[in-house]
Amino acid sequence: MKNILLTLLLFILFSCKSTGDKTDCEVLHVDLVERPVATEELFSKISVIPLETNDSSFLVRPVKVIIKDNRYYIVDEGVPAVFSFDEEGH
């Protein structure tokens, strides 16, 4: 029984080894300091589309804009609704 325990202990002792700090992954250092970014750096074309406003499509607190199939869908938290506009704002 002693021999089995000794063999098991030696096996466990020698099977544990450090793998070191070797890594095949590239480490990227990211500068997290906030800095102002010009809009021109983010977008190649900027245009303003005046949206049609009436009693049924008055935006109170828009929180998200989704563009799909040449339409703009605007989620508004102030009026729990989703508004849909075309490329001309109608």
PDB file of N, CA and C in Angstrom:
ATOM      1  N   MET A   1       0.824  -1.190   0.000  1.00  0.00           N
ATOM      2  CA  MET A   1       0.000   0.000   0.000  1.00  0.00           C
ATOM      3  C   MET A   1       0.866   1.250   0.000  1.00  0.00           C
ATOM      4  N   LYS A   2       1.991   1.193   0.773  1.00  0.00           N
ATOM      5  CA  LYS A   2       2.904   2.336   0.812  1.00  0.00           C
ATOM      6  C   LYS A   2       3.487   2.604  -0.566  1.00  0.00           C
ATOM      7  N   ASN A   3       3.819   1.525  -1.270  1.00  0.00           N
ATOM      8  CA  ASN A   3       4.413   1.680  -2.600  1.00  0.00           C
ATOM      9  C   ASN A   3       3.433   2.341  -3.573  1.00  0.00           C
ATOM     10  N   ILE A   4       2.183   1.983  -3.466  1.00  0.00           N
ATOM     11  CA  ILE A   4       1.171   2.569  -4.352  1.00  0.00           C
ATOM     12  C   ILE A   4       1.008   4.052  -4.054  1.00  0.00           C
ATOM     13  N   LEU A   5       0.928   4.410  -2.771  1.00  0.00           N
ATOM     14  CA  LEU A   5       0.799   5.814  -2.386  1.00  0.00           C
ATOM     15  C   LEU A   5       2.029   6.612  -2.796  1.00  0.00           C
ATOM     16  N   LEU A   6       3.220   6.037  -2.597  1.00  0.00           N
ATOM     17  CA  LEU A   6       4.452   6.714  -2.974  1.00  0.00           C
ATOM     18  C   LEU A   6       4.520   6.899  -4.489  1.00  0.00           C
ATOM     19  N   THR A   7       4.155   5.887  -5.231  1.00  0.00           N
ATOM     20  CA  THR A   7       4.150   5.978  -6.697  1.00  0.00           C
ATOM     21  C   THR A   7       3.139   7.015  -7.170  1.00  0.00           C
ATOM     22  N   LEU A   8       1.974   7.002  -6.569  1.00  0.00           N
ATOM     23  CA  LEU A   8       0.940   7.972  -6.920  1.00  0.00           C
ATOM     24  C   LEU A   8       1.388   9.389  -6.595  1.00  0.00           C
ATOM     25  N   LEU A   9       1.999   9.580  -5.440  1.00  0.00           N
ATOM     26  CA  LEU A   9       2.499  10.889  -5.033  1.00  0.00           C
ATOM     27  C   LEU A   9       3.588  11.378  -5.985  1.00  0.00           C
ATOM     28  N   LEU A  10       4.515  10.510  -6.337  1.00  0.00           N
ATOM     29  CA  LEU A  10       5.578  10.880  -7.278  1.00  0.00           C
ATOM     30  C   LEU A  10       5.001  11.194  -8.660  1.00  0.00           C
ATOM     31  N   PHE A  11       4.035  10.419  -9.075  1.00  0.00           N
ATOM     32  CA  PHE A  11       3.399  10.652 -10.367  1.00  0.00           C
ATOM     33  C   PHE A  11       2.739  12.032 -10.407  1.00  0.00           C
ATOM     34  N   ILE A  12       2.006  12.365  -9.344  1.00  0.00           N
ATOM     35  CA  ILE A  12       1.346  13.671  -9.261  1.00  0.00           C
ATOM     36  C   ILE A  12       2.372  14.789  -9.194  1.00  0.00           C
ATOM     37  N   LEU A  13       3.418  14.607  -8.435  1.00  0.00           N
ATOM     38  CA  LEU A  13       4.449  15.629  -8.267  1.00  0.00           C
ATOM     39  C   LEU A  13       5.154  15.937  -9.585  1.00  0.00           C
ATOM     40  N   PHE A  14       5.505  14.917 -10.345  1.00  0.00           N
ATOM     41  CA  PHE A  14       6.244  15.132 -11.589  1.00  0.00           C
ATOM     42  C   PHE A  14       5.339  15.458 -12.782  1.00  0.00           C
ATOM     43  N   SER A  15       4.062  15.196 -12.646  1.00  0.00           N
ATOM     44  CA  SER A  15       3.170  15.522 -13.757  1.00  0.00           C
ATOM     45  C   SER A  15       2.784  16.997 -13.759  1.00  0.00           C
ATOM     46  N   CYS A  16       2.955  17.671 -12.646  1.00  0.00           N
ATOM     47  CA  CYS A  16       2.652  19.095 -12.571  1.00  0.00           C
ATOM     48  C   CYS A  16       3.863  19.884 -13.036  1.00  0.00           C
ATOM     49  N   LYS A  17       3.665  20.689 -14.065  1.00  0.00           N
ATOM     50  CA  LYS A  17       4.754  21.547 -14.504  1.00  0.00           C
ATOM     51  C   LYS A  17       4.157  22.855 -15.000  1.00  0.00           C
ATOM     52  N   SER A  18       4.942  23.867 -14.935  1.00  0.00           N
ATOM     53  CA  SER A  18       4.503  25.182 -15.373  1.00  0.00           C
ATOM     54  C   SER A  18       4.609  25.279 -16.887  1.00  0.00           C
ATOM     55  N   THR A  19       3.586  25.862 -17.494  1.00  0.00           N
ATOM     56  CA  THR A  19       3.623  26.046 -18.944  1.00  0.00           C
ATOM     57  C   THR A  19       4.304  27.354 -19.310  1.00  0.00           C
ATOM     58  N   GLY A  20       4.589  28.168 -18.330  1.00  0.00           N
ATOM     59  CA  GLY A  20       5.255  29.442 -18.586  1.00  0.00           C
ATOM     60  C   GLY A  20       4.279  30.477 -19.112  1.00  0.00           C
ATOM     61  N   ASP A  21       4.825  31.580 -19.531  1.00  0.00           N
ATOM     62  CA  ASP A  21       4.009  32.675 -20.045  1.00  0.00           C
ATOM     63  C   ASP A  21       4.017  32.714 -21.568  1.00  0.00           C
ATOM     64  N   LYS A  22       4.292  31.620 -22.207  1.00  0.00           N
ATOM     65  CA  LYS A  22       4.309  31.597 -23.660  1.00  0.00           C
ATOM     66  C   LYS A  22       2.881  31.700 -24.179  1.00  0.00           C
ATOM     67  N   THR A  23       2.724  32.524 -25.165  1.00  0.00           N
ATOM     68  CA  THR A  23       1.427  32.665 -25.810  1.00  0.00           C
ATOM     69  C   THR A  23       1.645  32.942 -27.285  1.00  0.00           C
ATOM     70  N   ASP A  24       0.827  32.331 -28.096  1.00  0.00           N
ATOM     71  CA  ASP A  24       0.912  32.547 -29.532  1.00  0.00           C
ATOM     72  C   ASP A  24      -0.012  33.667 -29.981  1.00  0.00           C
ATOM     73  N   CYS A  25      -0.687  34.288 -29.045  1.00  0.00           N
ATOM     74  CA  CYS A  25      -1.625  35.355 -29.377  1.00  0.00           C
ATOM     75  C   CYS A  25      -0.913  36.699 -29.406  1.00  0.00           C
ATOM     76  N   GLU A  26      -1.369  37.539 -30.319  1.00  0.00           N
ATOM     77  CA  GLU A  26      -0.821  38.887 -30.390  1.00  0.00           C
ATOM     78  C   GLU A  26      -1.521  39.746 -29.343  1.00  0.00           C
ATOM     79  N   VAL A  27      -0.761  40.494 -28.587  1.00  0.00           N
ATOM     80  CA  VAL A  27      -1.308  41.352 -27.548  1.00  0.00           C
ATOM     81  C   VAL A  27      -1.468  42.752 -28.120  1.00  0.00           C
ATOM     82  N   LEU A  28      -2.677  43.285 -28.032  1.00  0.00           N
ATOM     83  CA  LEU A  28      -2.953  44.630 -28.512  1.00  0.00           C
ATOM     84  C   LEU A  28      -3.117  45.555 -27.321  1.00  0.00           C
ATOM     85  N   HIS A  29      -2.418  46.653 -27.340  1.00  0.00           N
ATOM     86  CA  HIS A  29      -2.555  47.659 -26.290  1.00  0.00           C
ATOM     87  C   HIS A  29      -3.474  48.758 -26.817  1.00  0.00           C
ATOM     88  N   VAL A  30      -4.557  49.000 -26.092  1.00  0.00           N
ATOM     89  CA  VAL A  30      -5.561  49.958 -26.524  1.00  0.00           C
ATOM     90  C   VAL A  30      -5.507  51.172 -25.615  1.00  0.00           C
ATOM     91  N   ASP A  31      -5.423  52.348 -26.231  1.00  0.00           N
ATOM     92  CA  ASP A  31      -5.426  53.597 -25.481  1.00  0.00           C
ATOM     93  C   ASP A  31      -6.878  53.950 -25.157  1.00  0.00           C
ATOM     94  N   LEU A  32      -7.243  53.916 -23.887  1.00  0.00           N
ATOM     95  CA  LEU A  32      -8.620  54.142 -23.473  1.00  0.00           C
ATOM     96  C   LEU A  32      -8.906  55.586 -23.095  1.00  0.00           C
ATOM     97  N   VAL A  33      -8.001  56.474 -23.426  1.00  0.00           N
ATOM     98  CA  VAL A  33      -8.207  57.887 -23.120  1.00  0.00           C
ATOM     99  C   VAL A  33      -9.195  58.459 -24.132  1.00  0.00           C
ATOM    100  N   GLU A  34     -10.231  59.113 -23.632  1.00  0.00           N
ATOM    101  CA  GLU A  34     -11.220  59.706 -24.526  1.00  0.00           C
ATOM    102  C   GLU A  34     -10.626  60.913 -25.227  1.00  0.00           C
ATOM    103  N   ARG A  35     -10.946  61.033 -26.503  1.00  0.00           N
ATOM    104  CA  ARG A  35     -10.504  62.193 -27.260  1.00  0.00           C
ATOM    105  C   ARG A  35     -11.611  62.555 -28.229  1.00  0.00           C
ATOM    106  N   PRO A  36     -11.719  63.828 -28.559  1.00  0.00           N
ATOM    107  CA  PRO A  36     -12.758  64.220 -29.515  1.00  0.00           C
ATOM    108  C   PRO A  36     -12.441  63.675 -30.908  1.00  0.00           C
ATOM    109  N   VAL A  37     -13.480  63.239 -31.600  1.00  0.00           N
ATOM    110  CA  VAL A  37     -13.328  62.702 -32.949  1.00  0.00           C
ATOM    111  C   VAL A  37     -14.197  63.534 -33.882  1.00  0.00           C
ATOM    112  N   ALA A  38     -13.605  64.005 -34.957  1.00  0.00           N
ATOM    113  CA  ALA A  38     -14.362  64.780 -35.936  1.00  0.00           C
ATOM    114  C   ALA A  38     -15.323  63.854 -36.677  1.00  0.00           C
ATOM    115  N   THR A  39     -16.496  64.355 -36.968  1.00  0.00           N
ATOM    116  CA  THR A  39     -17.501  63.566 -37.670  1.00  0.00           C
ATOM    117  C   THR A  39     -16.987  63.092 -39.019  1.00  0.00           C
ATOM    118  N   GLU A  40     -16.168  63.898 -39.667  1.00  0.00           N
ATOM    119  CA  GLU A  40     -15.630  63.547 -40.979  1.00  0.00           C
ATOM    120  C   GLU A  40     -14.736  62.309 -40.917  1.00  0.00           C
ATOM    121  N   GLU A  41     -14.159  62.025 -39.751  1.00  0.00           N
ATOM    122  CA  GLU A  41     -13.335  60.826 -39.601  1.00  0.00           C
ATOM    123  C   GLU A  41     -14.185  59.552 -39.566  1.00  0.00           C
ATOM    124  N   LEU A  42     -15.445  59.680 -39.187  1.00  0.00           N
ATOM    125  CA  LEU A  42     -16.316  58.520 -39.038  1.00  0.00           C
ATOM    126  C   LEU A  42     -17.199  58.265 -40.256  1.00  0.00           C
ATOM    127  N   PHE A  43     -17.589  59.336 -40.949  1.00  0.00           N
ATOM    128  CA  PHE A  43     -18.544  59.207 -42.047  1.00  0.00           C
ATOM    129  C   PHE A  43     -17.994  59.852 -43.305  1.00  0.00           C
ATOM    130  N   SER A  44     -18.263  59.231 -44.450  1.00  0.00           N
ATOM    131  CA  SER A  44     -17.803  59.799 -45.718  1.00  0.00           C
ATOM    132  C   SER A  44     -18.821  60.782 -46.289  1.00  0.00           C
ATOM    133  N   LYS A  45     -20.096  60.628 -45.938  1.00  0.00           N
ATOM    134  CA  LYS A  45     -21.137  61.515 -46.444  1.00  0.00           C
ATOM    135  C   LYS A  45     -22.107  61.828 -45.312  1.00  0.00           C
ATOM    136  N   ILE A  46     -22.418  63.097 -45.159  1.00  0.00           N
ATOM    137  CA  ILE A  46     -23.352  63.527 -44.119  1.00  0.00           C
ATOM    138  C   ILE A  46     -24.451  64.329 -44.792  1.00  0.00           C
ATOM    139  N   SER A  47     -25.699  63.976 -44.496  1.00  0.00           N
ATOM    140  CA  SER A  47     -26.821  64.743 -45.034  1.00  0.00           C
ATOM    141  C   SER A  47     -27.892  64.859 -43.955  1.00  0.00           C
ATOM    142  N   VAL A  48     -28.627  65.949 -44.017  1.00  0.00           N
ATOM    143  CA  VAL A  48     -29.698  66.205 -43.056  1.00  0.00           C
ATOM    144  C   VAL A  48     -31.024  65.973 -43.769  1.00  0.00           C
ATOM    145  N   ILE A  49     -31.864  65.156 -43.167  1.00  0.00           N
ATOM    146  CA  ILE A  49     -33.178  64.859 -43.736  1.00  0.00           C
ATOM    147  C   ILE A  49     -34.234  65.427 -42.791  1.00  0.00           C
ATOM    148  N   PRO A  50     -34.927  66.485 -43.203  1.00  0.00           N
ATOM    149  CA  PRO A  50     -35.993  67.006 -42.339  1.00  0.00           C
ATOM    150  C   PRO A  50     -37.150  66.010 -42.296  1.00  0.00           C
ATOM    151  N   LEU A  51     -37.524  65.596 -41.106  1.00  0.00           N
ATOM    152  CA  LEU A  51     -38.577  64.597 -40.941  1.00  0.00           C
ATOM    153  C   LEU A  51     -39.938  65.265 -40.899  1.00  0.00           C
ATOM    154  N   GLU A  52     -40.909  64.593 -41.479  1.00  0.00           N
ATOM    155  CA  GLU A  52     -42.278  65.077 -41.452  1.00  0.00           C
ATOM    156  C   GLU A  52     -42.776  65.039 -40.012  1.00  0.00           C
ATOM    157  N   THR A  53     -43.262  66.154 -39.537  1.00  0.00           N
ATOM    158  CA  THR A  53     -43.780  66.194 -38.165  1.00  0.00           C
ATOM    159  C   THR A  53     -45.236  66.628 -38.196  1.00  0.00           C
ATOM    160  N   ASN A  54     -46.066  65.862 -37.552  1.00  0.00           N
ATOM    161  CA  ASN A  54     -47.466  66.204 -37.334  1.00  0.00           C
ATOM    162  C   ASN A  54     -47.875  65.590 -35.999  1.00  0.00           C
ATOM    163  N   ASP A  55     -49.132  65.645 -35.685  1.00  0.00           N
ATOM    164  CA  ASP A  55     -49.578  65.130 -34.382  1.00  0.00           C
ATOM    165  C   ASP A  55     -49.329  63.633 -34.221  1.00  0.00           C
ATOM    166  N   SER A  56     -49.312  62.887 -35.324  1.00  0.00           N
ATOM    167  CA  SER A  56     -49.125  61.443 -35.211  1.00  0.00           C
ATOM    168  C   SER A  56     -47.665  61.015 -35.354  1.00  0.00           C
ATOM    169  N   SER A  57     -46.787  61.923 -35.733  1.00  0.00           N
ATOM    170  CA  SER A  57     -45.372  61.547 -35.880  1.00  0.00           C
ATOM    171  C   SER A  57     -44.445  62.552 -35.214  1.00  0.00           C
ATOM    172  N   PHE A  58     -44.794  62.983 -34.026  1.00  0.00           N
ATOM    173  CA  PHE A  58     -43.969  63.942 -33.300  1.00  0.00           C
ATOM    174  C   PHE A  58     -43.036  63.176 -32.364  1.00  0.00           C
ATOM    175  N   LEU A  59     -41.733  63.333 -32.562  1.00  0.00           N
ATOM    176  CA  LEU A  59     -40.747  62.623 -31.747  1.00  0.00           C
ATOM    177  C   LEU A  59     -40.550  63.338 -30.419  1.00  0.00           C
ATOM    178  N   VAL A  60     -40.553  62.574 -29.335  1.00  0.00           N
ATOM    179  CA  VAL A  60     -40.359  63.132 -27.999  1.00  0.00           C
ATOM    180  C   VAL A  60     -38.957  62.816 -27.489  1.00  0.00           C
ATOM    181  N   ARG A  61     -38.606  61.542 -27.451  1.00  0.00           N
ATOM    182  CA  ARG A  61     -37.292  61.128 -26.963  1.00  0.00           C
ATOM    183  C   ARG A  61     -36.772  59.967 -27.817  1.00  0.00           C
ATOM    184  N   PRO A  62     -36.256  60.278 -29.015  1.00  0.00           N
ATOM    185  CA  PRO A  62     -35.741  59.199 -29.865  1.00  0.00           C
ATOM    186  C   PRO A  62     -34.478  58.600 -29.270  1.00  0.00           C
ATOM    187  N   VAL A  63     -34.402  57.273 -29.243  1.00  0.00           N
ATOM    188  CA  VAL A  63     -33.255  56.604 -28.630  1.00  0.00           C
ATOM    189  C   VAL A  63     -32.494  55.708 -29.597  1.00  0.00           C
ATOM    190  N   LYS A  64     -33.110  55.368 -30.738  1.00  0.00           N
ATOM    191  CA  LYS A  64     -32.436  54.456 -31.658  1.00  0.00           C
ATOM    192  C   LYS A  64     -32.949  54.684 -33.073  1.00  0.00           C
ATOM    193  N   VAL A  65     -32.028  54.640 -34.040  1.00  0.00           N
ATOM    194  CA  VAL A  65     -32.391  54.754 -35.451  1.00  0.00           C
ATOM    195  C   VAL A  65     -31.902  53.500 -36.163  1.00  0.00           C
ATOM    196  N   ILE A  66     -32.800  52.860 -36.882  1.00  0.00           N
ATOM    197  CA  ILE A  66     -32.463  51.662 -37.653  1.00  0.00           C
ATOM    198  C   ILE A  66     -32.740  51.964 -39.119  1.00  0.00           C
ATOM    199  N   ILE A  67     -31.756  51.720 -39.975  1.00  0.00           N
ATOM    200  CA  ILE A  67     -31.914  51.953 -41.409  1.00  0.00           C
ATOM    201  C   ILE A  67     -32.018  50.596 -42.090  1.00  0.00           C
ATOM    202  N   LYS A  68     -33.136  50.390 -42.798  1.00  0.00           N
ATOM    203  CA  LYS A  68     -33.345  49.112 -43.492  1.00  0.00           C
ATOM    204  C   LYS A  68     -34.231  49.348 -44.706  1.00  0.00           C
ATOM    205  N   ASP A  69     -33.797  48.829 -45.845  1.00  0.00           N
ATOM    206  CA  ASP A  69     -34.560  48.921 -47.097  1.00  0.00           C
ATOM    207  C   ASP A  69     -34.953  50.361 -47.426  1.00  0.00           C
ATOM    208  N   ASN A  70     -33.987  51.276 -47.358  1.00  0.00           N
ATOM    209  CA  ASN A  70     -34.195  52.697 -47.683  1.00  0.00           C
ATOM    210  C   ASN A  70     -35.250  53.366 -46.811  1.00  0.00           C
ATOM    211  N   ARG A  71     -35.450  52.854 -45.616  1.00  0.00           N
ATOM    212  CA  ARG A  71     -36.368  53.473 -44.654  1.00  0.00           C
ATOM    213  C   ARG A  71     -35.645  53.669 -43.334  1.00  0.00           C
ATOM    214  N   TYR A  72     -36.065  54.681 -42.605  1.00  0.00           N
ATOM    215  CA  TYR A  72     -35.507  54.993 -41.291  1.00  0.00           C
ATOM    216  C   TYR A  72     -36.569  54.663 -40.250  1.00  0.00           C
ATOM    217  N   TYR A  73     -36.232  53.778 -39.332  1.00  0.00           N
ATOM    218  CA  TYR A  73     -37.133  53.415 -38.239  1.00  0.00           C
ATOM    219  C   TYR A  73     -36.560  54.025 -36.964  1.00  0.00           C
ATOM    220  N   ILE A  74     -37.355  54.852 -36.317  1.00  0.00           N
ATOM    221  CA  ILE A  74     -36.890  55.572 -35.130  1.00  0.00           C
ATOM    222  C   ILE A  74     -37.690  55.098 -33.927  1.00  0.00           C
ATOM    223  N   VAL A  75     -36.970  54.599 -32.934  1.00  0.00           N
ATOM    224  CA  VAL A  75     -37.589  54.136 -31.690  1.00  0.00           C
ATOM    225  C   VAL A  75     -37.633  55.317 -30.733  1.00  0.00           C
ATOM    226  N   ASP A  76     -38.812  55.585 -30.202  1.00  0.00           N
ATOM    227  CA  ASP A  76     -39.005  56.728 -29.305  1.00  0.00           C
ATOM    228  C   ASP A  76     -39.470  56.220 -27.945  1.00  0.00           C
ATOM    229  N   GLU A  77     -38.735  56.582 -26.880  1.00  0.00           N
ATOM    230  CA  GLU A  77     -39.122  56.177 -25.521  1.00  0.00           C
ATOM    231  C   GLU A  77     -40.185  57.087 -24.937  1.00  0.00           C
ATOM    232  N   GLY A  78     -40.197  58.359 -25.334  1.00  0.00           N
ATOM    233  CA  GLY A  78     -41.171  59.303 -24.794  1.00  0.00           C
ATOM    234  C   GLY A  78     -42.590  58.925 -25.170  1.00  0.00           C
ATOM    235  N   VAL A  79     -42.774  58.540 -26.410  1.00  0.00           N
ATOM    236  CA  VAL A  79     -44.038  58.004 -26.904  1.00  0.00           C
ATOM    237  C   VAL A  79     -43.713  56.570 -27.280  1.00  0.00           C
ATOM    238  N   PRO A  80     -44.156  55.590 -26.522  1.00  0.00           N
ATOM    239  CA  PRO A  80     -43.738  54.216 -26.820  1.00  0.00           C
ATOM    240  C   PRO A  80     -44.197  53.799 -28.218  1.00  0.00           C
ATOM    241  N   ALA A  81     -43.344  54.109 -29.205  1.00  0.00           N
ATOM    242  CA  ALA A  81     -43.701  53.816 -30.588  1.00  0.00           C
ATOM    243  C   ALA A  81     -42.446  53.732 -31.438  1.00  0.00           C
ATOM    244  N   VAL A  82     -42.631  53.186 -32.645  1.00  0.00           N
ATOM    245  CA  VAL A  82     -41.576  53.156 -33.653  1.00  0.00           C
ATOM    246  C   VAL A  82     -42.111  53.914 -34.860  1.00  0.00           C
ATOM    247  N   PHE A  83     -41.385  54.941 -35.285  1.00  0.00           N
ATOM    248  CA  PHE A  83     -41.792  55.750 -36.425  1.00  0.00           C
ATOM    249  C   PHE A  83     -40.998  55.331 -37.646  1.00  0.00           C
ATOM    250  N   SER A  84     -41.633  55.376 -38.816  1.00  0.00           N
ATOM    251  CA  SER A  84     -41.000  54.972 -40.061  1.00  0.00           C
ATOM    252  C   SER A  84     -41.009  56.147 -41.037  1.00  0.00           C
ATOM    253  N   PHE A  85     -39.840  56.431 -41.625  1.00  0.00           N
ATOM    254  CA  PHE A  85     -39.707  57.518 -42.588  1.00  0.00           C
ATOM    255  C   PHE A  85     -38.949  57.008 -43.806  1.00  0.00           C
ATOM    256  N   ASP A  86     -39.260  57.587 -44.985  1.00  0.00           N
ATOM    257  CA  ASP A  86     -38.499  57.240 -46.178  1.00  0.00           C
ATOM    258  C   ASP A  86     -37.285  58.164 -46.285  1.00  0.00           C
ATOM    259  N   GLU A  87     -36.563  58.092 -47.414  1.00  0.00           N
ATOM    260  CA  GLU A  87     -35.338  58.880 -47.576  1.00  0.00           C
ATOM    261  C   GLU A  87     -35.596  60.379 -47.695  1.00  0.00           C
ATOM    262  N   GLU A  88     -36.850  60.758 -47.916  1.00  0.00           N
ATOM    263  CA  GLU A  88     -37.194  62.176 -48.007  1.00  0.00           C
ATOM    264  C   GLU A  88     -37.824  62.692 -46.718  1.00  0.00           C
ATOM    265  N   GLY A  89     -37.974  61.844 -45.729  1.00  0.00           N
ATOM    266  CA  GLY A  89     -38.509  62.263 -44.439  1.00  0.00           C
ATOM    267  C   GLY A  89     -40.002  62.088 -44.286  1.00  0.00           C
ATOM    268  N   HIS A  90     -40.678  61.469 -45.264  1.00  0.00           N
ATOM    269  CA  HIS A  90     -42.137  61.260 -45.192  1.00  0.00           C
ATOM    270  C   HIS A  90     -42.448  59.953 -44.503  1.00  0.00           C
TER     271      HIS A  90
END
